[in-house]
Amino acid sequence: MSLQSKLNRYKSHLTVNNDKNAQIEKVKTLSETIQHYDTWVSLGAKPFEFENQVVFIRKKQYPFEYKHGIYELGKLKEAVERWNNYKIAHPLSGVDKKAEDFLFFDTETTGLGSGAGNTIFLIGYSRFLENSVEVTQVFLPNPAAEPAFYYGFLNDISELENIVTYNGKSFDWPNVKSRHTFVRDIVPELPVFGHFDLLHGSRRVWKHRLESHRLAVVEKEILQIKRESDVPGYLAPMLYFEYLKEQNPEIIAGVLKHNESDVITLISLYTHLSLMLLNEPFESHLSSEKYEIGRWYEALGDVERAMSYFQKLSESESSFTLKAKKSLSMLYKKQNQFEEAVALWTELSEQTEMGLEEVDIELSKVYEHRYKDFEKALYYAESAYQRWKSSLRLLKSKEENERKAFVKRIERLKEKIERRSNSGSS
């Protein structure tokens, strides 16, 4: 080896050693200048420096076997696999994805709005790695450090394309966009995400079961998650402002734990909604859940799957059986399966419950226009009118134009019967 080659080799070693020494000195300097550095370390957080600004990044690993509520975290892999097996088109579908493709995301902010004055001080997200679930949290120790805050976050998630939130479409992500505009010249661009907002699905599926659809309520009542000594989300802004004054990380330790639990809950909730939407297992669902899932598929235009839900529910004994039969009959009508529709309408017409005047109207229509049986059409039109008047007495809220529509239908049918009678006798 030539003398020059040896010198170059030694030079490379010196460079590496110099880099390592510089890193050691930087850590040593940060540990000396950051207040309560040891407390941050005890919380599992490390300083992250960018553009001479420091934020804190905290990471924690969970095994797939970790149970959060009714599910182990690894159950998500099964749910995503089922999406890929069924190939169902749905807003929450995991088709052509793996568990590792999702970012379960939540923020803590200084306010409830999405304006420029609302600052995000904590970004939390969980994701699947090869052998574990990793929770990452980026904390803003002072508002001036936003460039480092967003750089630390965006640089870490650049390869992910699917974000899962709870009300994130309306709150979390608009806030991120708003704050990003102030630092966009020095940090990476915001990724274009496929967005899975679980709030909308929760509202649909548990419309009848829950009075409130806040995540804290859903995780307790649906996922059976019990938090011990949890800091309520509404206290997070006050605790952050207290931290800004004192700079003691112990003040926001509970907020970190609350946010950490939130992004783990999102995994269990997405798993649960996915398995419900994939009919796994159907029998364990409440009748209200079955009905609303059927309606969701109907709204998406998946008639076959909607009919499957309504059909199974129609064969059961529950408070939603009549509603399911009514919905099923209307889908039969849309599919031009009039024999099946009329059979269900006739069965429903024999019931005495309120709200079935629409069924009698459908029978009146089909007998008038399809079967030309004006006598039966009149019978059901008058029956619908009587149902309507009965509900009017109870509800006191029907419009005059509804009354006119009933009267007009009855009068038209009477005229048709009279004309046919006269033509037959002449």
Protein backbone atom coordinates (compact mmCIF):
# COMPACT_ATOMS: atom_id res chain seq x y z
CA MET A 1 0.00 0.00 0.00
CA SER A 2 1.42 3.41 -0.95
CA LEU A 3 2.13 6.06 1.65
CA GLN A 4 -0.68 8.23 0.25
CA SER A 5 -3.19 5.37 0.52
CA LYS A 6 -2.21 4.78 4.12
CA LEU A 7 -2.62 8.45 4.92
CA ASN A 8 -6.06 8.51 3.29
CA ARG A 9 -7.07 5.44 5.28
CA TYR A 10 -5.97 7.00 8.56
CA LYS A 11 -7.70 10.23 7.57
CA SER A 12 -11.03 8.40 7.17
CA HIS A 13 -10.67 6.93 10.64
CA LEU A 14 -9.92 10.34 12.04
CA THR A 15 -13.04 11.74 10.35
CA VAL A 16 -15.25 9.02 11.84
CA ASN A 17 -13.74 9.54 15.24
CA ASN A 18 -14.18 13.28 14.94
CA ASP A 19 -17.88 12.80 14.01
CA LYS A 20 -18.42 10.51 16.98
CA ASN A 21 -16.65 12.91 19.27
CA ALA A 22 -18.75 15.78 17.95
CA GLN A 23 -21.95 13.81 18.62
CA ILE A 24 -20.81 12.96 22.13
CA GLU A 25 -19.98 16.60 22.78
CA LYS A 26 -23.36 17.69 21.40
CA VAL A 27 -25.24 15.27 23.67
CA LYS A 28 -23.10 16.38 26.59
CA THR A 29 -23.83 20.02 25.78
CA LEU A 30 -27.59 19.39 25.47
CA SER A 31 -27.67 17.48 28.73
CA GLU A 32 -26.02 20.43 30.43
CA THR A 33 -28.20 23.15 28.90
CA ILE A 34 -31.65 21.49 28.95
CA GLN A 35 -33.58 21.99 32.14
CA HIS A 36 -34.69 18.78 33.84
CA TYR A 37 -32.78 16.70 31.30
CA ASP A 38 -32.76 13.64 33.57
CA THR A 39 -36.54 13.83 33.93
CA TRP A 40 -36.95 13.82 30.15
CA VAL A 41 -34.72 10.76 29.98
CA SER A 42 -36.80 9.03 32.66
CA LEU A 43 -39.89 9.66 30.53
CA GLY A 44 -38.19 7.94 27.58
CA ALA A 45 -37.72 11.17 25.62
CA LYS A 46 -34.60 12.33 23.82
CA PRO A 47 -33.72 15.81 22.55
CA PHE A 48 -33.81 16.33 18.80
CA GLU A 49 -32.04 19.36 17.35
CA PHE A 50 -32.73 21.12 14.07
CA GLU A 51 -31.78 24.66 13.07
CA ASN A 52 -30.44 25.29 16.58
CA GLN A 53 -33.83 24.43 18.05
CA VAL A 54 -34.56 21.48 20.32
CA VAL A 55 -37.71 19.37 20.63
CA PHE A 56 -38.21 16.06 22.38
CA ILE A 57 -38.97 12.75 20.70
CA ARG A 58 -40.26 9.85 22.75
CA LYS A 59 -40.52 6.28 21.47
CA LYS A 60 -42.03 3.19 23.05
CA GLN A 61 -42.38 -0.37 21.77
CA TYR A 62 -45.38 -2.66 22.32
CA PRO A 63 -45.42 -6.39 21.50
CA PHE A 64 -48.13 -7.63 19.15
CA GLU A 65 -49.51 -9.66 22.08
CA TYR A 66 -50.22 -6.51 24.10
CA LYS A 67 -53.96 -6.40 24.79
CA HIS A 68 -55.65 -3.01 24.62
CA GLY A 69 -59.30 -3.53 25.45
CA ILE A 70 -60.81 -6.55 23.74
CA TYR A 71 -58.03 -6.97 21.16
CA GLU A 72 -54.36 -7.76 21.05
CA LEU A 73 -52.61 -5.20 18.86
CA GLY A 74 -51.54 -7.92 16.44
CA LYS A 75 -55.21 -8.55 15.59
CA LEU A 76 -54.93 -5.63 13.18
CA LYS A 77 -52.84 -7.81 10.89
CA GLU A 78 -55.71 -10.28 10.66
CA ALA A 79 -58.23 -7.50 9.98
CA VAL A 80 -56.13 -6.08 7.13
CA GLU A 81 -55.62 -9.58 5.73
CA ARG A 82 -59.41 -10.09 5.71
CA TRP A 83 -59.88 -6.83 3.79
CA ASN A 84 -57.50 -8.18 1.17
CA ASN A 85 -59.36 -11.51 1.03
CA TYR A 86 -62.81 -9.92 0.58
CA LYS A 87 -61.79 -7.05 -1.76
CA ILE A 88 -64.73 -4.93 -0.57
CA ALA A 89 -64.90 -1.29 -1.65
CA HIS A 90 -65.39 0.76 1.50
CA PRO A 91 -63.99 4.01 2.99
CA LEU A 92 -62.26 1.97 5.71
CA SER A 93 -61.05 -0.78 3.39
CA GLY A 94 -57.51 -2.06 3.86
CA VAL A 95 -57.41 -3.67 0.41
CA ASP A 96 -53.92 -3.72 -1.14
CA LYS A 97 -52.39 -2.63 2.16
CA LYS A 98 -50.44 -4.16 5.02
CA ALA A 99 -50.61 -3.32 8.72
CA GLU A 100 -47.24 -1.59 8.31
CA ASP A 101 -48.79 0.88 5.83
CA PHE A 102 -50.94 2.65 8.45
CA LEU A 103 -50.07 5.59 10.68
CA PHE A 104 -52.40 5.96 13.67
CA PHE A 105 -52.28 9.67 14.42
CA ASP A 106 -53.42 12.10 17.12
CA THR A 107 -52.44 15.56 18.35
CA GLU A 108 -52.74 17.68 21.47
CA THR A 109 -53.30 21.39 20.92
CA THR A 110 -53.63 24.65 22.84
CA GLY A 111 -57.25 25.08 21.73
CA LEU A 112 -60.22 23.49 20.00
CA GLY A 113 -60.22 25.49 16.77
CA SER A 114 -58.16 25.16 13.61
CA GLY A 115 -57.07 28.76 13.18
CA ALA A 116 -53.57 30.17 13.13
CA GLY A 117 -53.68 30.85 16.87
CA ASN A 118 -54.12 27.18 17.74
CA THR A 119 -50.75 25.53 18.30
CA ILE A 120 -50.07 21.80 18.20
CA PHE A 121 -47.69 21.00 21.03
CA LEU A 122 -47.73 17.19 20.85
CA ILE A 123 -47.90 14.89 17.84
CA GLY A 124 -48.37 11.21 18.58
CA TYR A 125 -48.53 8.28 16.21
CA SER A 126 -48.30 4.51 16.31
CA ARG A 127 -47.28 2.16 13.52
CA PHE A 128 -46.47 -1.47 12.94
CA LEU A 129 -42.86 -2.52 12.60
CA GLU A 130 -41.65 -6.01 11.72
CA ASN A 131 -41.85 -7.38 15.26
CA SER A 132 -43.63 -4.74 17.34
CA VAL A 133 -45.85 -1.68 17.44
CA GLU A 134 -43.96 1.57 17.90
CA VAL A 135 -45.44 4.70 19.45
CA THR A 136 -43.65 7.95 18.63
CA GLN A 137 -44.38 11.31 20.23
CA VAL A 138 -42.88 14.65 19.22
CA PHE A 139 -43.18 17.34 21.91
CA LEU A 140 -42.86 21.10 21.39
CA PRO A 141 -41.09 22.58 24.46
CA ASN A 142 -41.64 26.14 23.26
CA PRO A 143 -43.55 27.69 20.33
CA ALA A 144 -40.36 29.02 18.72
CA ALA A 145 -39.19 25.46 18.05
CA GLU A 146 -41.90 24.64 15.48
CA PRO A 147 -39.40 24.14 12.61
CA ALA A 148 -37.65 21.39 14.59
CA PHE A 149 -41.03 20.03 15.72
CA TYR A 150 -42.39 19.55 12.19
CA TYR A 151 -39.06 18.48 10.75
CA GLY A 152 -38.76 15.74 13.36
CA PHE A 153 -42.27 14.52 12.57
CA LEU A 154 -42.29 14.79 8.77
CA ASN A 155 -38.81 13.37 8.32
CA ASP A 156 -39.89 10.28 10.26
CA ILE A 157 -43.10 9.44 8.37
CA SER A 158 -42.15 10.28 4.77
CA GLU A 159 -42.71 6.71 3.51
CA LEU A 160 -46.23 6.24 4.93
CA GLU A 161 -49.31 6.96 2.83
CA ASN A 162 -52.30 6.07 5.03
CA ILE A 163 -53.29 7.97 8.15
CA VAL A 164 -55.89 6.79 10.68
CA THR A 165 -57.42 9.41 12.99
CA TYR A 166 -60.47 10.18 15.10
CA ASN A 167 -62.00 13.41 13.81
CA GLY A 168 -58.69 14.06 12.10
CA LYS A 169 -60.25 15.21 8.83
CA SER A 170 -61.95 18.10 10.59
CA PHE A 171 -59.47 18.84 13.39
CA ASP A 172 -56.01 17.26 13.60
CA TRP A 173 -54.87 17.35 9.98
CA PRO A 174 -56.28 20.84 9.17
CA ASN A 175 -54.33 22.08 12.22
CA VAL A 176 -51.17 20.42 10.92
CA LYS A 177 -51.69 22.07 7.53
CA SER A 178 -52.30 25.45 9.14
CA ARG A 179 -49.15 25.35 11.28
CA HIS A 180 -47.06 23.84 8.48
CA THR A 181 -47.55 26.97 6.37
CA PHE A 182 -45.38 28.93 8.80
CA VAL A 183 -42.39 26.59 8.45
CA ARG A 184 -42.87 25.03 5.01
CA ASP A 185 -39.75 26.68 3.54
CA ILE A 186 -37.40 24.78 5.85
CA VAL A 187 -39.17 21.47 6.55
CA PRO A 188 -40.35 18.62 4.26
CA GLU A 189 -43.65 18.93 2.39
CA LEU A 190 -46.78 17.47 3.92
CA PRO A 191 -47.42 13.97 2.54
CA VAL A 192 -50.59 13.23 0.61
CA PHE A 193 -52.38 10.70 2.79
CA GLY A 194 -55.23 8.33 2.27
CA HIS A 195 -57.26 9.35 5.34
CA PHE A 196 -59.28 6.92 7.46
CA ASP A 197 -61.33 8.97 9.94
CA LEU A 198 -62.87 6.56 12.44
CA LEU A 199 -65.24 9.15 13.94
CA HIS A 200 -67.57 8.91 10.95
CA GLY A 201 -67.73 5.12 11.14
CA SER A 202 -68.31 5.21 14.89
CA ARG A 203 -71.19 7.65 14.48
CA ARG A 204 -72.79 5.43 11.88
CA VAL A 205 -72.41 2.08 13.57
CA TRP A 206 -73.19 3.20 17.14
CA LYS A 207 -75.79 5.82 16.29
CA HIS A 208 -78.40 4.11 18.47
CA ARG A 209 -76.08 2.65 21.09
CA LEU A 210 -74.09 5.69 22.27
CA GLU A 211 -75.29 9.15 23.23
CA SER A 212 -71.78 10.56 22.77
CA HIS A 213 -69.21 9.48 20.20
CA ARG A 214 -66.14 10.97 21.83
CA LEU A 215 -63.18 8.61 21.64
CA ALA A 216 -63.15 8.26 25.44
CA VAL A 217 -66.75 7.00 25.36
CA VAL A 218 -66.24 4.67 22.40
CA GLU A 219 -63.14 3.04 23.87
CA LYS A 220 -64.85 2.50 27.22
CA GLU A 221 -68.27 1.29 26.03
CA ILE A 222 -67.28 -0.56 22.84
CA LEU A 223 -63.65 -1.62 23.25
CA GLN A 224 -63.81 -2.07 27.04
CA ILE A 225 -60.65 -0.06 27.58
CA LYS A 226 -60.22 1.17 31.14
CA ARG A 227 -57.69 3.90 31.74
CA GLU A 228 -56.10 4.21 35.15
CA SER A 229 -55.41 7.74 36.48
CA ASP A 230 -55.84 9.25 33.03
CA VAL A 231 -55.45 12.98 32.43
CA PRO A 232 -58.60 14.14 30.56
CA GLY A 233 -57.90 15.63 27.15
CA TYR A 234 -59.51 18.95 28.03
CA LEU A 235 -56.81 19.54 30.69
CA ALA A 236 -53.96 19.16 28.18
CA PRO A 237 -53.83 22.86 27.11
CA MET A 238 -53.77 24.09 30.72
CA LEU A 239 -51.02 21.66 31.65
CA TYR A 240 -48.99 22.70 28.61
CA PHE A 241 -49.22 26.37 29.53
CA GLU A 242 -48.13 25.43 33.05
CA TYR A 243 -45.19 23.55 31.56
CA LEU A 244 -44.18 26.61 29.51
CA LYS A 245 -43.88 28.57 32.75
CA GLU A 246 -42.12 25.91 34.83
CA GLN A 247 -40.28 23.89 32.12
CA ASN A 248 -40.70 20.76 34.26
CA PRO A 249 -41.62 17.73 32.10
CA GLU A 250 -43.32 16.03 35.04
CA ILE A 251 -46.18 18.50 34.50
CA ILE A 252 -47.01 17.05 31.08
CA ALA A 253 -46.15 13.40 31.84
CA GLY A 254 -49.87 12.59 32.13
CA VAL A 255 -50.58 14.29 28.79
CA LEU A 256 -47.92 12.15 27.13
CA LYS A 257 -49.50 9.01 28.60
CA HIS A 258 -53.00 10.11 27.51
CA ASN A 259 -51.86 10.72 23.93
CA GLU A 260 -49.94 7.44 23.88
CA SER A 261 -53.08 5.57 24.88
CA ASP A 262 -55.10 7.42 22.21
CA VAL A 263 -52.90 6.28 19.34
CA ILE A 264 -52.99 2.70 20.63
CA THR A 265 -56.79 2.89 20.94
CA LEU A 266 -56.98 3.84 17.26
CA ILE A 267 -55.41 0.48 16.38
CA SER A 268 -58.03 -1.43 18.39
CA LEU A 269 -60.87 0.69 17.03
CA TYR A 270 -59.84 0.26 13.39
CA THR A 271 -59.53 -3.48 14.03
CA HIS A 272 -63.01 -3.63 15.59
CA LEU A 273 -64.76 -1.61 12.88
CA SER A 274 -63.02 -3.62 10.17
CA LEU A 275 -64.10 -6.97 11.59
CA MET A 276 -67.67 -5.70 12.01
CA LEU A 277 -67.81 -4.43 8.44
CA LEU A 278 -66.43 -7.75 7.23
CA ASN A 279 -69.18 -9.58 9.10
CA GLU A 280 -66.82 -11.21 11.58
CA PRO A 281 -68.64 -12.54 13.56
CA PHE A 282 -72.17 -11.47 12.60
CA GLU A 283 -74.04 -13.08 15.48
CA SER A 284 -72.15 -11.12 18.14
CA HIS A 285 -73.25 -7.77 16.73
CA LEU A 286 -76.19 -5.91 18.24
CA SER A 287 -79.23 -5.58 15.99
CA SER A 288 -78.74 -1.80 15.82
CA GLU A 289 -75.16 -2.33 14.64
CA LYS A 290 -76.22 -4.82 11.97
CA TYR A 291 -78.90 -2.46 10.72
CA GLU A 292 -76.59 0.57 10.51
CA ILE A 293 -73.83 -1.41 8.79
CA GLY A 294 -76.41 -2.53 6.24
CA ARG A 295 -77.48 1.07 5.72
CA TRP A 296 -73.82 2.09 5.31
CA TYR A 297 -73.29 -0.45 2.55
CA GLU A 298 -76.55 0.68 0.95
CA ALA A 299 -75.34 4.30 0.97
CA LEU A 300 -72.12 3.15 -0.72
CA GLY A 301 -74.09 1.38 -3.45
CA ASP A 302 -73.10 -2.13 -2.34
CA VAL A 303 -76.64 -3.47 -2.69
CA GLU A 304 -75.72 -7.14 -2.42
CA ARG A 305 -73.94 -6.74 0.92
CA ALA A 306 -76.62 -4.39 2.26
CA MET A 307 -79.33 -6.90 1.36
CA SER A 308 -77.36 -9.63 3.10
CA TYR A 309 -77.35 -7.66 6.36
CA PHE A 310 -81.04 -6.73 6.09
CA GLN A 311 -82.02 -10.29 5.17
CA LYS A 312 -80.31 -11.82 8.19
CA LEU A 313 -81.74 -9.16 10.49
CA SER A 314 -85.23 -9.68 9.01
CA GLU A 315 -85.12 -13.30 10.12
CA SER A 316 -84.43 -12.35 13.74
CA GLU A 317 -86.58 -11.06 16.56
CA SER A 318 -85.40 -7.60 17.54
CA SER A 319 -86.44 -3.97 17.70
CA PHE A 320 -84.82 -3.45 14.29
CA THR A 321 -86.52 -6.33 12.46
CA LEU A 322 -89.27 -4.16 10.97
CA LYS A 323 -86.79 -1.50 9.90
CA ALA A 324 -84.64 -4.16 8.25
CA LYS A 325 -87.64 -5.59 6.38
CA LYS A 326 -88.62 -2.12 5.24
CA SER A 327 -85.10 -1.37 4.00
CA LEU A 328 -84.88 -4.78 2.32
CA SER A 329 -88.21 -4.25 0.56
CA MET A 330 -87.03 -0.92 -0.88
CA LEU A 331 -83.88 -2.56 -2.19
CA TYR A 332 -86.01 -5.27 -3.81
CA LYS A 333 -87.93 -2.47 -5.51
CA LYS A 334 -84.73 -0.85 -6.79
CA GLN A 335 -83.65 -4.22 -8.16
CA ASN A 336 -87.05 -4.65 -9.88
CA GLN A 337 -87.79 -7.67 -7.69
CA PHE A 338 -91.40 -6.64 -7.22
CA GLU A 339 -92.75 -10.00 -6.08
CA GLU A 340 -90.34 -10.04 -3.14
CA ALA A 341 -90.99 -6.37 -2.43
CA VAL A 342 -94.79 -6.77 -2.43
CA ALA A 343 -94.57 -9.82 -0.17
CA LEU A 344 -92.60 -7.84 2.41
CA TRP A 345 -94.80 -4.73 2.06
CA THR A 346 -97.92 -6.84 2.57
CA GLU A 347 -96.42 -8.43 5.67
CA LEU A 348 -95.43 -5.03 7.04
CA SER A 349 -98.81 -3.51 6.26
CA GLU A 350 -100.41 -5.92 8.71
CA GLN A 351 -98.36 -4.43 11.54
CA THR A 352 -99.79 -1.67 13.72
CA GLU A 353 -96.56 0.23 14.42
CA MET A 354 -96.23 3.88 13.52
CA GLY A 355 -94.19 4.99 10.52
CA LEU A 356 -95.46 2.30 8.12
CA GLU A 357 -97.62 4.59 5.98
CA GLU A 358 -94.77 4.58 3.46
CA VAL A 359 -95.27 0.83 3.05
CA ASP A 360 -98.97 1.28 2.29
CA ILE A 361 -98.10 4.03 -0.19
CA GLU A 362 -95.70 1.67 -1.98
CA LEU A 363 -98.41 -0.99 -2.15
CA SER A 364 -100.85 1.58 -3.47
CA LYS A 365 -98.36 2.63 -6.15
CA VAL A 366 -97.53 -0.87 -7.30
CA TYR A 367 -101.18 -1.96 -7.49
CA GLU A 368 -102.13 1.22 -9.35
CA HIS A 369 -99.32 1.46 -11.86
CA ARG A 370 -97.97 -2.09 -12.24
CA TYR A 371 -100.94 -4.39 -11.61
CA LYS A 372 -103.76 -1.95 -12.50
CA ASP A 373 -105.71 -3.18 -9.48
CA PHE A 374 -107.28 0.14 -8.51
CA GLU A 375 -109.44 -1.29 -5.74
CA LYS A 376 -106.41 -2.62 -3.88
CA ALA A 377 -104.52 0.56 -4.66
CA LEU A 378 -107.35 2.58 -3.10
CA TYR A 379 -107.46 0.29 -0.07
CA TYR A 380 -103.77 0.85 0.68
CA ALA A 381 -103.96 4.57 -0.09
CA GLU A 382 -106.75 4.97 2.46
CA SER A 383 -104.84 2.80 4.93
CA ALA A 384 -101.78 5.00 4.51
CA TYR A 385 -103.91 8.10 5.07
CA GLN A 386 -105.36 6.69 8.27
CA ARG A 387 -101.88 5.80 9.55
CA TRP A 388 -100.71 9.30 8.73
CA LYS A 389 -103.60 10.92 10.56
CA SER A 390 -102.97 8.72 13.60
CA SER A 391 -99.33 9.71 13.72
CA LEU A 392 -100.35 13.34 13.21
CA ARG A 393 -102.42 13.25 16.37
CA LEU A 394 -99.42 11.92 18.27
CA LEU A 395 -96.66 13.98 16.75
CA LYS A 396 -98.49 17.21 15.87
CA SER A 397 -95.84 18.01 13.29
CA LYS A 398 -97.04 16.91 9.84
CA GLU A 399 -97.13 19.34 6.96
CA GLU A 400 -100.23 20.34 5.03
CA ASN A 401 -98.67 19.30 1.73
CA GLU A 402 -98.39 15.72 3.05
CA ARG A 403 -102.13 15.70 3.75
CA LYS A 404 -102.83 17.02 0.25
CA ALA A 405 -100.68 14.27 -1.27
CA PHE A 406 -102.72 11.56 0.47
CA VAL A 407 -106.04 13.14 -0.51
CA LYS A 408 -104.90 13.61 -4.10
CA ARG A 409 -103.86 9.95 -4.39
CA ILE A 410 -107.17 8.73 -2.95
CA GLU A 411 -109.24 11.00 -5.21
CA ARG A 412 -107.28 9.95 -8.29
CA LEU A 413 -107.84 6.27 -7.53
CA LYS A 414 -111.55 6.81 -6.95
CA GLU A 415 -111.79 8.55 -10.33
CA LYS A 416 -109.98 5.67 -12.05
CA ILE A 417 -112.31 3.13 -10.47
CA GLU A 418 -115.34 5.19 -11.47
CA ARG A 419 -114.13 5.62 -15.07
CA ARG A 420 -113.45 1.90 -15.42
CA SER A 421 -116.85 1.11 -13.92
CA ASN A 422 -118.59 3.49 -16.32
CA SER A 423 -116.72 2.15 -19.33
CA GLY A 424 -117.66 -1.38 -18.36
CA SER A 425 -121.38 -0.60 -18.07
CA SER A 426 -121.67 1.35 -21.33
